[in-house]
Amino acid sequence: MFKVEKLGLIDFQKALEYQNKLVSLKQKGSKTNYFLMMEHEHVFTMGKGADLKNILDKNIPVIVTNRGGDITYHGPGQLTGYIIFDLRSDKFDIHGFLRYIELLIIGVLNKLDIDAYQIEGLRGVWAENKKVASIGIGVKKGITMHGFALNVNPDLSYFSKINPCGLNSSCISSITELKKSVFSMETLFELFIKEFPEYFE
């Protein structure tokens, strides 16, 4: 069973504290899984596999996290989704879990007539040869945390301060850029709520 929560615009550290609280509840036996959707204040975060060479602006503050992956940016206009889930269930292994996150995002983008896809050997979701969503998760004693970041209509200039996920920032796009049209975050929230059970219930 999943509980879906829309947290609005929230500081990254506050969201991380909330995730850790839910992970702890799961580790103590709670049967409820969580799908959290939000936007963050401007922040750069590093995963366990990050390369410091990918920080181009040495003046930006960076938060080190327990997720996988390299450095990335979060900010307003980007839909961040965190999935708190017990991987010890029979449904997924770690690779299947990551793949289903990508398929979930692709399903939502298809609803907006965006032809999104996966690229072999690269994590995330792409459209028109540009990356529109990044994925990085952490696992604590079998319980997942963190998740994905989908660029809806963020200020893409922030990505120029880093090599996001080790890529040149010119590879990064957004729904607004692809569609030449602005979609509200609420519209995307509702699309994810409808699509989510197709992959995770």
N, C-alpha and C. Protein backbone atom coordinates (compact mmCIF):
# COMPACT_ATOMS: atom_id res chain seq x y z
N MET A 1 0.84 -1.19 0.00
CA MET A 1 0.00 0.00 0.00
C MET A 1 0.88 1.25 0.00
N PHE A 2 0.54 2.20 -0.85
CA PHE A 2 1.29 3.45 -0.92
C PHE A 2 0.42 4.61 -0.43
N LYS A 3 1.04 5.48 0.33
CA LYS A 3 0.43 6.75 0.70
C LYS A 3 1.10 7.84 -0.12
N VAL A 4 0.33 8.62 -0.85
CA VAL A 4 0.86 9.70 -1.68
C VAL A 4 0.73 11.02 -0.93
N GLU A 5 1.83 11.78 -0.89
CA GLU A 5 1.81 13.08 -0.22
C GLU A 5 2.41 14.14 -1.13
N LYS A 6 1.73 15.27 -1.24
CA LYS A 6 2.24 16.44 -1.96
C LYS A 6 2.74 17.43 -0.92
N LEU A 7 4.04 17.69 -0.91
CA LEU A 7 4.64 18.51 0.14
C LEU A 7 4.89 19.95 -0.29
N GLY A 8 4.63 20.27 -1.56
CA GLY A 8 4.82 21.64 -2.03
C GLY A 8 6.30 22.01 -2.12
N LEU A 9 6.61 23.30 -1.92
CA LEU A 9 7.99 23.78 -1.97
C LEU A 9 8.61 23.60 -0.59
N ILE A 10 9.67 22.79 -0.50
CA ILE A 10 10.22 22.43 0.80
C ILE A 10 11.74 22.41 0.75
N ASP A 11 12.37 22.84 1.81
CA ASP A 11 13.82 22.81 1.93
C ASP A 11 14.32 21.36 1.83
N PHE A 12 15.44 21.17 1.13
CA PHE A 12 15.96 19.82 0.91
C PHE A 12 16.24 19.10 2.23
N GLN A 13 16.86 19.78 3.18
CA GLN A 13 17.19 19.14 4.45
C GLN A 13 15.95 18.73 5.22
N LYS A 14 14.91 19.55 5.19
CA LYS A 14 13.67 19.19 5.86
C LYS A 14 13.05 17.96 5.22
N ALA A 15 13.09 17.90 3.89
CA ALA A 15 12.56 16.74 3.19
C ALA A 15 13.39 15.50 3.52
N LEU A 16 14.69 15.66 3.65
CA LEU A 16 15.56 14.53 3.98
C LEU A 16 15.26 14.01 5.38
N GLU A 17 15.04 14.92 6.32
CA GLU A 17 14.68 14.51 7.68
C GLU A 17 13.36 13.74 7.68
N TYR A 18 12.41 14.20 6.87
CA TYR A 18 11.12 13.52 6.80
C TYR A 18 11.28 12.13 6.19
N GLN A 19 12.10 12.03 5.13
CA GLN A 19 12.36 10.72 4.54
C GLN A 19 12.95 9.76 5.57
N ASN A 20 13.95 10.24 6.31
CA ASN A 20 14.60 9.39 7.31
C ASN A 20 13.60 8.92 8.38
N LYS A 21 12.67 9.79 8.72
CA LYS A 21 11.63 9.41 9.69
C LYS A 21 10.76 8.28 9.14
N LEU A 22 10.37 8.40 7.87
CA LEU A 22 9.52 7.37 7.26
C LEU A 22 10.30 6.06 7.07
N VAL A 23 11.57 6.18 6.71
CA VAL A 23 12.41 4.98 6.56
C VAL A 23 12.50 4.25 7.90
N SER A 24 12.67 5.01 8.97
CA SER A 24 12.74 4.41 10.31
C SER A 24 11.45 3.67 10.66
N LEU A 25 10.32 4.28 10.31
CA LEU A 25 9.04 3.63 10.57
C LEU A 25 8.94 2.31 9.79
N LYS A 26 9.41 2.32 8.55
CA LYS A 26 9.39 1.10 7.73
C LYS A 26 10.29 0.03 8.35
N GLN A 27 11.45 0.44 8.82
CA GLN A 27 12.38 -0.52 9.41
C GLN A 27 11.82 -1.13 10.69
N LYS A 28 10.90 -0.40 11.34
CA LYS A 28 10.28 -0.91 12.57
C LYS A 28 9.03 -1.74 12.29
N GLY A 29 8.72 -1.93 10.98
CA GLY A 29 7.63 -2.83 10.63
C GLY A 29 6.41 -2.23 9.98
N SER A 30 6.41 -0.90 9.75
CA SER A 30 5.25 -0.29 9.10
C SER A 30 5.05 -0.88 7.71
N LYS A 31 3.81 -1.18 7.37
CA LYS A 31 3.50 -1.75 6.05
C LYS A 31 3.24 -0.68 5.00
N THR A 32 3.15 0.57 5.41
CA THR A 32 2.83 1.65 4.48
C THR A 32 4.08 2.09 3.71
N ASN A 33 3.96 2.13 2.39
CA ASN A 33 4.99 2.72 1.55
C ASN A 33 4.57 4.15 1.21
N TYR A 34 5.52 4.98 0.79
CA TYR A 34 5.22 6.38 0.56
C TYR A 34 5.74 6.86 -0.79
N PHE A 35 4.93 7.67 -1.44
CA PHE A 35 5.36 8.38 -2.64
C PHE A 35 5.20 9.86 -2.34
N LEU A 36 6.32 10.55 -2.18
CA LEU A 36 6.33 11.96 -1.81
C LEU A 36 6.67 12.80 -3.03
N MET A 37 5.88 13.83 -3.30
CA MET A 37 6.13 14.74 -4.42
C MET A 37 6.28 16.15 -3.90
N MET A 38 7.28 16.87 -4.45
CA MET A 38 7.58 18.21 -3.93
C MET A 38 8.43 18.98 -4.92
N GLU A 39 8.68 20.24 -4.58
CA GLU A 39 9.71 21.05 -5.20
C GLU A 39 10.69 21.45 -4.10
N HIS A 40 11.95 21.70 -4.46
CA HIS A 40 12.93 22.13 -3.47
C HIS A 40 13.32 23.59 -3.72
N GLU A 41 13.79 24.22 -2.66
CA GLU A 41 14.50 25.48 -2.82
C GLU A 41 15.80 25.15 -3.58
N HIS A 42 16.44 26.18 -4.15
CA HIS A 42 17.66 25.95 -4.93
C HIS A 42 18.71 25.21 -4.10
N VAL A 43 19.21 24.09 -4.63
CA VAL A 43 20.21 23.31 -3.91
C VAL A 43 20.97 22.40 -4.88
N PHE A 44 22.25 22.19 -4.59
CA PHE A 44 23.05 21.22 -5.33
C PHE A 44 23.36 20.07 -4.40
N THR A 45 23.19 18.85 -4.88
CA THR A 45 23.45 17.68 -4.05
C THR A 45 24.37 16.70 -4.77
N MET A 46 25.16 16.00 -3.96
CA MET A 46 26.09 15.01 -4.50
C MET A 46 25.70 13.61 -4.01
N GLY A 47 25.77 12.65 -4.94
CA GLY A 47 25.56 11.27 -4.57
C GLY A 47 26.87 10.60 -4.21
N LYS A 48 26.80 9.32 -3.84
CA LYS A 48 27.98 8.58 -3.39
C LYS A 48 29.00 8.38 -4.52
N GLY A 49 28.54 8.45 -5.76
CA GLY A 49 29.44 8.24 -6.88
C GLY A 49 29.92 9.54 -7.52
N ALA A 50 29.79 10.67 -6.81
CA ALA A 50 30.07 11.97 -7.40
C ALA A 50 31.56 12.20 -7.62
N ASP A 51 31.86 12.92 -8.67
CA ASP A 51 33.22 13.34 -9.01
C ASP A 51 33.31 14.84 -8.78
N LEU A 52 34.23 15.26 -7.91
CA LEU A 52 34.35 16.68 -7.58
C LEU A 52 34.67 17.54 -8.80
N LYS A 53 35.22 16.94 -9.84
CA LYS A 53 35.52 17.68 -11.06
C LYS A 53 34.25 18.19 -11.74
N ASN A 54 33.11 17.61 -11.39
CA ASN A 54 31.84 18.02 -12.00
C ASN A 54 31.22 19.24 -11.33
N ILE A 55 31.89 19.78 -10.30
CA ILE A 55 31.47 21.06 -9.72
C ILE A 55 32.27 22.14 -10.44
N LEU A 56 31.63 22.88 -11.31
CA LEU A 56 32.31 23.89 -12.12
C LEU A 56 32.43 25.22 -11.39
N ASP A 57 31.44 25.57 -10.59
CA ASP A 57 31.46 26.80 -9.79
C ASP A 57 31.80 26.40 -8.35
N LYS A 58 33.03 26.63 -7.94
CA LYS A 58 33.50 26.18 -6.64
C LYS A 58 32.90 26.98 -5.49
N ASN A 59 32.13 28.03 -5.80
CA ASN A 59 31.52 28.85 -4.75
C ASN A 59 30.14 28.36 -4.33
N ILE A 60 29.59 27.41 -5.05
CA ILE A 60 28.24 26.96 -4.70
C ILE A 60 28.31 25.96 -3.53
N PRO A 61 27.39 26.08 -2.57
CA PRO A 61 27.33 25.08 -1.49
C PRO A 61 26.73 23.78 -2.04
N VAL A 62 27.29 22.67 -1.59
CA VAL A 62 26.84 21.36 -2.06
C VAL A 62 26.56 20.46 -0.87
N ILE A 63 25.41 19.79 -0.90
CA ILE A 63 25.05 18.85 0.17
C ILE A 63 25.38 17.43 -0.28
N VAL A 64 26.11 16.71 0.57
CA VAL A 64 26.45 15.31 0.29
C VAL A 64 25.33 14.42 0.82
N THR A 65 24.84 13.49 -0.02
CA THR A 65 23.73 12.63 0.36
C THR A 65 24.12 11.17 0.26
N ASN A 66 23.21 10.30 0.68
CA ASN A 66 23.45 8.85 0.63
C ASN A 66 22.84 8.20 -0.61
N ARG A 67 22.39 9.02 -1.57
CA ARG A 67 21.85 8.43 -2.79
C ARG A 67 22.99 8.04 -3.73
N GLY A 68 22.67 7.27 -4.74
CA GLY A 68 23.63 6.98 -5.78
C GLY A 68 23.74 8.14 -6.76
N GLY A 69 24.71 8.06 -7.64
CA GLY A 69 24.82 9.05 -8.70
C GLY A 69 25.80 10.17 -8.39
N ASP A 70 25.86 11.12 -9.31
CA ASP A 70 26.81 12.22 -9.26
C ASP A 70 26.12 13.47 -8.72
N ILE A 71 26.66 14.64 -9.08
CA ILE A 71 26.08 15.89 -8.61
C ILE A 71 24.90 16.29 -9.48
N THR A 72 23.90 16.92 -8.86
CA THR A 72 22.76 17.43 -9.61
C THR A 72 22.22 18.68 -8.92
N TYR A 73 21.27 19.30 -9.58
CA TYR A 73 20.62 20.52 -9.07
C TYR A 73 19.15 20.24 -8.82
N HIS A 74 18.62 20.81 -7.74
CA HIS A 74 17.18 20.81 -7.49
C HIS A 74 16.73 22.25 -7.28
N GLY A 75 15.52 22.56 -7.73
CA GLY A 75 15.02 23.91 -7.51
C GLY A 75 13.56 24.03 -7.90
N PRO A 76 12.99 25.19 -7.68
CA PRO A 76 11.59 25.44 -8.06
C PRO A 76 11.37 25.15 -9.54
N GLY A 77 10.23 24.58 -9.86
CA GLY A 77 9.94 24.22 -11.24
C GLY A 77 10.37 22.83 -11.60
N GLN A 78 10.95 22.14 -10.63
CA GLN A 78 11.37 20.75 -10.85
C GLN A 78 10.56 19.87 -9.90
N LEU A 79 9.90 18.86 -10.46
CA LEU A 79 9.12 17.94 -9.63
C LEU A 79 10.04 16.85 -9.11
N THR A 80 10.21 16.82 -7.81
CA THR A 80 11.04 15.81 -7.18
C THR A 80 10.13 14.78 -6.52
N GLY A 81 10.37 13.52 -6.83
CA GLY A 81 9.56 12.43 -6.28
C GLY A 81 10.42 11.47 -5.50
N TYR A 82 10.04 11.21 -4.25
CA TYR A 82 10.78 10.28 -3.39
C TYR A 82 9.89 9.08 -3.07
N ILE A 83 10.45 7.90 -3.19
CA ILE A 83 9.69 6.68 -2.97
C ILE A 83 10.30 5.93 -1.79
N ILE A 84 9.52 5.79 -0.73
CA ILE A 84 9.94 5.05 0.47
C ILE A 84 9.28 3.68 0.37
N PHE A 85 10.09 2.67 0.10
CA PHE A 85 9.55 1.35 -0.29
C PHE A 85 10.45 0.25 0.25
N ASP A 86 9.84 -0.88 0.62
CA ASP A 86 10.60 -2.03 1.13
C ASP A 86 11.02 -2.92 -0.03
N LEU A 87 12.30 -2.84 -0.39
CA LEU A 87 12.81 -3.64 -1.51
C LEU A 87 12.86 -5.13 -1.19
N ARG A 88 12.68 -5.47 0.07
CA ARG A 88 12.74 -6.87 0.45
C ARG A 88 11.46 -7.62 0.09
N SER A 89 10.47 -6.89 -0.44
CA SER A 89 9.27 -7.54 -0.95
C SER A 89 9.62 -8.32 -2.21
N ASP A 90 8.71 -9.12 -2.68
CA ASP A 90 8.98 -9.96 -3.85
C ASP A 90 8.86 -9.19 -5.16
N LYS A 91 8.42 -7.93 -5.11
CA LYS A 91 8.07 -7.23 -6.34
C LYS A 91 9.30 -6.79 -7.14
N PHE A 92 10.35 -6.28 -6.48
CA PHE A 92 11.47 -5.66 -7.20
C PHE A 92 12.82 -6.09 -6.63
N ASP A 93 13.82 -6.13 -7.51
CA ASP A 93 15.19 -5.98 -7.06
C ASP A 93 15.58 -4.54 -7.36
N ILE A 94 16.80 -4.15 -7.01
CA ILE A 94 17.18 -2.75 -7.15
C ILE A 94 17.14 -2.28 -8.60
N HIS A 95 17.57 -3.15 -9.52
CA HIS A 95 17.59 -2.76 -10.93
C HIS A 95 16.18 -2.62 -11.49
N GLY A 96 15.30 -3.53 -11.10
CA GLY A 96 13.91 -3.44 -11.54
C GLY A 96 13.23 -2.21 -10.97
N PHE A 97 13.55 -1.88 -9.73
CA PHE A 97 12.98 -0.70 -9.09
C PHE A 97 13.36 0.57 -9.85
N LEU A 98 14.65 0.71 -10.17
CA LEU A 98 15.10 1.88 -10.92
C LEU A 98 14.46 1.94 -12.30
N ARG A 99 14.35 0.79 -12.94
CA ARG A 99 13.75 0.74 -14.27
C ARG A 99 12.28 1.18 -14.21
N TYR A 100 11.56 0.75 -13.19
CA TYR A 100 10.15 1.12 -13.09
C TYR A 100 9.97 2.61 -12.78
N ILE A 101 10.91 3.21 -12.06
CA ILE A 101 10.84 4.66 -11.88
C ILE A 101 10.95 5.35 -13.23
N GLU A 102 11.88 4.89 -14.06
CA GLU A 102 12.02 5.47 -15.39
C GLU A 102 10.75 5.27 -16.22
N LEU A 103 10.17 4.08 -16.14
CA LEU A 103 8.94 3.80 -16.91
C LEU A 103 7.77 4.65 -16.42
N LEU A 104 7.72 4.89 -15.12
CA LEU A 104 6.68 5.78 -14.57
C LEU A 104 6.79 7.17 -15.17
N ILE A 105 7.99 7.73 -15.19
CA ILE A 105 8.20 9.07 -15.75
C ILE A 105 7.88 9.09 -17.23
N ILE A 106 8.31 8.07 -17.94
CA ILE A 106 8.01 7.98 -19.38
C ILE A 106 6.50 7.93 -19.61
N GLY A 107 5.80 7.18 -18.77
CA GLY A 107 4.34 7.11 -18.90
C GLY A 107 3.68 8.46 -18.71
N VAL A 108 4.15 9.23 -17.73
CA VAL A 108 3.60 10.57 -17.49
C VAL A 108 3.91 11.49 -18.68
N LEU A 109 5.14 11.45 -19.17
CA LEU A 109 5.51 12.32 -20.29
C LEU A 109 4.75 11.96 -21.57
N ASN A 110 4.47 10.68 -21.74
CA ASN A 110 3.66 10.27 -22.90
C ASN A 110 2.28 10.90 -22.87
N LYS A 111 1.75 11.11 -21.66
CA LYS A 111 0.44 11.76 -21.52
C LYS A 111 0.48 13.21 -21.99
N LEU A 112 1.68 13.78 -22.03
CA LEU A 112 1.86 15.15 -22.52
C LEU A 112 2.34 15.17 -23.97
N ASP A 113 2.25 14.00 -24.63
CA ASP A 113 2.70 13.85 -26.03
C ASP A 113 4.19 14.13 -26.18
N ILE A 114 4.96 13.73 -25.16
CA ILE A 114 6.42 13.79 -25.24
C ILE A 114 6.92 12.37 -25.41
N ASP A 115 7.67 12.13 -26.46
CA ASP A 115 8.20 10.80 -26.76
C ASP A 115 9.47 10.60 -25.94
N ALA A 116 9.31 10.14 -24.71
CA ALA A 116 10.43 9.96 -23.79
C ALA A 116 10.93 8.52 -23.82
N TYR A 117 12.18 8.34 -23.40
CA TYR A 117 12.77 7.00 -23.52
C TYR A 117 13.96 6.85 -22.56
N GLN A 118 14.37 5.60 -22.38
CA GLN A 118 15.57 5.26 -21.63
C GLN A 118 16.74 5.12 -22.61
N ILE A 119 17.96 5.29 -22.11
CA ILE A 119 19.16 5.05 -22.90
C ILE A 119 19.98 3.98 -22.20
N GLU A 120 20.32 2.96 -22.92
CA GLU A 120 21.09 1.85 -22.37
C GLU A 120 22.39 2.36 -21.75
N GLY A 121 22.62 1.98 -20.50
CA GLY A 121 23.85 2.35 -19.82
C GLY A 121 23.81 3.69 -19.12
N LEU A 122 22.72 4.45 -19.29
CA LEU A 122 22.58 5.74 -18.64
C LEU A 122 21.31 5.75 -17.80
N ARG A 123 21.40 6.24 -16.59
CA ARG A 123 20.22 6.31 -15.73
C ARG A 123 19.49 7.62 -15.97
N GLY A 124 18.14 7.58 -16.01
CA GLY A 124 17.34 8.77 -16.21
C GLY A 124 16.39 8.62 -17.38
N VAL A 125 15.73 9.71 -17.74
CA VAL A 125 14.77 9.71 -18.84
C VAL A 125 15.13 10.83 -19.80
N TRP A 126 14.99 10.53 -21.09
CA TRP A 126 15.44 11.41 -22.16
C TRP A 126 14.32 11.68 -23.15
N ALA A 127 14.41 12.80 -23.86
CA ALA A 127 13.49 13.14 -24.95
C ALA A 127 14.21 14.09 -25.89
N GLU A 128 14.09 13.84 -27.17
CA GLU A 128 14.76 14.66 -28.19
C GLU A 128 16.25 14.83 -27.90
N ASN A 129 16.88 13.74 -27.49
CA ASN A 129 18.32 13.71 -27.19
C ASN A 129 18.73 14.60 -26.03
N LYS A 130 17.78 14.97 -25.19
CA LYS A 130 18.06 15.76 -23.99
C LYS A 130 17.55 15.01 -22.76
N LYS A 131 18.24 15.19 -21.65
CA LYS A 131 17.83 14.55 -20.41
C LYS A 131 16.82 15.43 -19.69
N VAL A 132 15.66 14.86 -19.37
CA VAL A 132 14.60 15.63 -18.71
C VAL A 132 14.38 15.18 -17.27
N ALA A 133 14.88 14.00 -16.90
CA ALA A 133 14.69 13.51 -15.54
C ALA A 133 15.93 12.74 -15.08
N SER A 134 16.33 12.99 -13.84
CA SER A 134 17.45 12.29 -13.22
C SER A 134 16.92 11.37 -12.12
N ILE A 135 17.66 10.31 -11.86
CA ILE A 135 17.25 9.33 -10.86
C ILE A 135 18.43 8.97 -9.98
N GLY A 136 18.20 8.95 -8.68
CA GLY A 136 19.21 8.50 -7.73
C GLY A 136 18.53 8.08 -6.44
N ILE A 137 18.79 6.87 -6.00
CA ILE A 137 18.15 6.40 -4.78
C ILE A 137 19.19 5.98 -3.75
N GLY A 138 18.76 5.92 -2.52
CA GLY A 138 19.54 5.35 -1.44
C GLY A 138 18.76 4.19 -0.85
N VAL A 139 19.45 3.27 -0.21
CA VAL A 139 18.78 2.12 0.42
C VAL A 139 19.35 1.95 1.82
N LYS A 140 18.47 1.93 2.81
CA LYS A 140 18.86 1.69 4.20
C LYS A 140 18.20 0.42 4.70
N LYS A 141 19.00 -0.62 4.88
CA LYS A 141 18.50 -1.90 5.39
C LYS A 141 17.27 -2.36 4.61
N GLY A 142 17.36 -2.25 3.29
CA GLY A 142 16.29 -2.73 2.42
C GLY A 142 15.20 -1.73 2.10
N ILE A 143 15.23 -0.55 2.72
CA ILE A 143 14.20 0.47 2.49
C ILE A 143 14.77 1.56 1.59
N THR A 144 14.06 1.87 0.50
CA THR A 144 14.52 2.89 -0.43
C THR A 144 14.17 4.29 0.05
N MET A 145 14.95 5.26 -0.43
CA MET A 145 14.65 6.67 -0.21
C MET A 145 15.22 7.45 -1.40
N HIS A 146 15.00 8.75 -1.42
CA HIS A 146 15.33 9.58 -2.59
C HIS A 146 14.50 9.08 -3.79
N GLY A 147 14.88 9.40 -5.02
CA GLY A 147 14.05 9.00 -6.15
C GLY A 147 14.42 9.69 -7.44
N PHE A 148 13.52 10.59 -7.91
CA PHE A 148 13.75 11.20 -9.22
C PHE A 148 13.50 12.70 -9.18
N ALA A 149 14.03 13.38 -10.20
CA ALA A 149 13.80 14.82 -10.37
C ALA A 149 13.45 15.06 -11.83
N LEU A 150 12.25 15.53 -12.10
CA LEU A 150 11.77 15.80 -13.45
C LEU A 150 11.72 17.31 -13.67
N ASN A 151 12.41 17.76 -14.71
CA ASN A 151 12.42 19.19 -15.02
C ASN A 151 11.13 19.59 -15.71
N VAL A 152 10.29 20.28 -14.99
CA VAL A 152 9.02 20.76 -15.54
C VAL A 152 9.25 22.13 -16.17
N ASN A 153 9.52 23.14 -15.34
CA ASN A 153 9.85 24.47 -15.86
C ASN A 153 10.86 25.18 -14.95
N PRO A 154 11.97 24.52 -14.61
CA PRO A 154 12.96 25.18 -13.76
C PRO A 154 13.82 26.16 -14.54
N ASP A 155 14.59 26.95 -13.81
CA ASP A 155 15.60 27.81 -14.43
C ASP A 155 16.80 26.93 -14.76
N LEU A 156 16.94 26.56 -16.02
CA LEU A 156 17.98 25.62 -16.44
C LEU A 156 19.39 26.21 -16.33
N SER A 157 19.50 27.51 -16.15
CA SER A 157 20.83 28.12 -16.07
C SER A 157 21.62 27.61 -14.86
N TYR A 158 20.91 27.16 -13.82
CA TYR A 158 21.60 26.63 -12.64
C TYR A 158 22.44 25.41 -12.98
N PHE A 159 22.02 24.65 -13.97
CA PHE A 159 22.77 23.45 -14.34
C PHE A 159 24.15 23.79 -14.91
N SER A 160 24.34 25.02 -15.38
CA SER A 160 25.62 25.41 -15.97
C SER A 160 26.73 25.53 -14.92
N LYS A 161 26.37 25.52 -13.64
CA LYS A 161 27.35 25.59 -12.57
C LYS A 161 28.00 24.23 -12.29
N ILE A 162 27.46 23.18 -12.90
CA ILE A 162 27.93 21.81 -12.67
C ILE A 162 27.91 21.04 -14.00
N ASN A 163 28.48 19.85 -13.96
CA ASN A 163 28.22 18.86 -15.00
C ASN A 163 27.19 17.90 -14.42
N PRO A 164 25.90 18.16 -14.64
CA PRO A 164 24.86 17.38 -13.99
C PRO A 164 24.94 15.90 -14.35
N CYS A 165 25.06 15.08 -13.31
CA CYS A 165 25.19 13.62 -13.51
C CYS A 165 26.39 13.31 -14.41
N GLY A 166 27.38 14.20 -14.41
CA GLY A 166 28.57 13.99 -15.21
C GLY A 166 28.44 14.42 -16.66
N LEU A 167 27.30 15.01 -17.02
CA LEU A 167 27.04 15.42 -18.40
C LEU A 167 27.24 16.92 -18.56
N ASN A 168 27.45 17.36 -19.79
CA ASN A 168 27.46 18.78 -20.08
C ASN A 168 26.05 19.34 -19.88
N SER A 169 25.96 20.53 -19.30
CA SER A 169 24.64 21.09 -19.00
C SER A 169 23.79 21.33 -20.23
N SER A 170 24.40 21.39 -21.40
CA SER A 170 23.64 21.57 -22.65
C SER A 170 22.78 20.35 -22.96
N CYS A 171 23.04 19.23 -22.28
CA CYS A 171 22.25 18.01 -22.49
C CYS A 171 20.94 18.01 -21.70
N ILE A 172 20.76 19.02 -20.84
CA ILE A 172 19.60 19.05 -19.93
C ILE A 172 18.48 19.87 -20.54
N SER A 173 17.27 19.34 -20.45
CA SER A 173 16.10 20.07 -20.96
C SER A 173 14.96 19.97 -19.94
N SER A 174 13.82 20.51 -20.32
CA SER A 174 12.64 20.52 -19.45
C SER A 174 11.38 20.33 -20.30
N ILE A 175 10.29 20.06 -19.62
CA ILE A 175 9.01 19.91 -20.33
C ILE A 175 8.66 21.21 -21.06
N THR A 176 8.85 22.34 -20.39
CA THR A 176 8.54 23.63 -21.00
C THR A 176 9.36 23.86 -22.26
N GLU A 177 10.64 23.53 -22.21
CA GLU A 177 11.51 23.72 -23.36
C GLU A 177 11.12 22.80 -24.51
N LEU A 178 10.76 21.56 -24.18
CA LEU A 178 10.41 20.59 -25.21
C LEU A 178 9.07 20.91 -25.87
N LYS A 179 8.12 21.34 -25.08
CA LYS A 179 6.75 21.56 -25.58
C LYS A 179 6.47 23.01 -25.97
N LYS A 180 7.41 23.90 -25.62
CA LYS A 180 7.20 25.34 -25.87
C LYS A 180 5.88 25.80 -25.25
N SER A 181 5.60 25.22 -24.09
CA SER A 181 4.36 25.51 -23.38
C SER A 181 4.59 25.26 -21.89
N VAL A 182 3.93 26.04 -21.04
CA VAL A 182 4.11 25.91 -19.60
C VAL A 182 3.01 25.03 -19.01
N PHE A 183 3.42 24.04 -18.24
CA PHE A 183 2.48 23.18 -17.53
C PHE A 183 2.63 23.45 -16.03
N SER A 184 1.52 23.51 -15.33
CA SER A 184 1.58 23.77 -13.89
C SER A 184 2.10 22.53 -13.16
N MET A 185 2.71 22.77 -12.01
CA MET A 185 3.19 21.65 -11.19
C MET A 185 2.01 20.80 -10.73
N GLU A 186 0.89 21.43 -10.48
CA GLU A 186 -0.29 20.68 -10.03
C GLU A 186 -0.74 19.69 -11.11
N THR A 187 -0.66 20.10 -12.38
CA THR A 187 -1.01 19.20 -13.48
C THR A 187 -0.11 17.97 -13.46
N LEU A 188 1.19 18.19 -13.24
CA LEU A 188 2.12 17.06 -13.20
C LEU A 188 1.89 16.20 -11.97
N PHE A 189 1.60 16.82 -10.82
CA PHE A 189 1.28 16.03 -9.63
C PHE A 189 0.13 15.06 -9.92
N GLU A 190 -0.92 15.58 -10.53
CA GLU A 190 -2.10 14.76 -10.78
C GLU A 190 -1.81 13.65 -11.78
N LEU A 191 -0.99 13.93 -12.79
CA LEU A 191 -0.62 12.89 -13.75
C LEU A 191 0.16 11.77 -13.07
N PHE A 192 1.06 12.13 -12.17
CA PHE A 192 1.82 11.11 -11.45
C PHE A 192 0.93 10.29 -10.53
N ILE A 193 -0.02 10.94 -9.87
CA ILE A 193 -0.94 10.21 -8.99
C ILE A 193 -1.73 9.17 -9.78
N LYS A 194 -2.16 9.52 -11.00
CA LYS A 194 -2.92 8.59 -11.83
C LYS A 194 -2.04 7.48 -12.39
N GLU A 195 -0.80 7.81 -12.75
CA GLU A 195 0.08 6.85 -13.41
C GLU A 195 0.78 5.90 -12.41
N PHE A 196 1.01 6.39 -11.22
CA PHE A 196 1.81 5.65 -10.25
C PHE A 196 1.32 4.21 -10.00
N PRO A 197 0.01 3.99 -9.81
CA PRO A 197 -0.46 2.62 -9.53
C PRO A 197 -0.18 1.63 -10.65
N GLU A 198 0.01 2.12 -11.87
CA GLU A 198 0.30 1.22 -12.99
C GLU A 198 1.64 0.50 -12.81
N TYR A 199 2.51 1.08 -12.00
CA TYR A 199 3.87 0.54 -11.86
C TYR A 199 4.19 0.08 -10.43
N PHE A 200 3.56 0.67 -9.43
CA PHE A 200 4.00 0.40 -8.06
C PHE A 200 2.92 -0.11 -7.12
N GLU A 201 1.72 -0.32 -7.58
CA GLU A 201 0.70 -0.88 -6.68
C GLU A 201 0.58 -2.39 -6.89
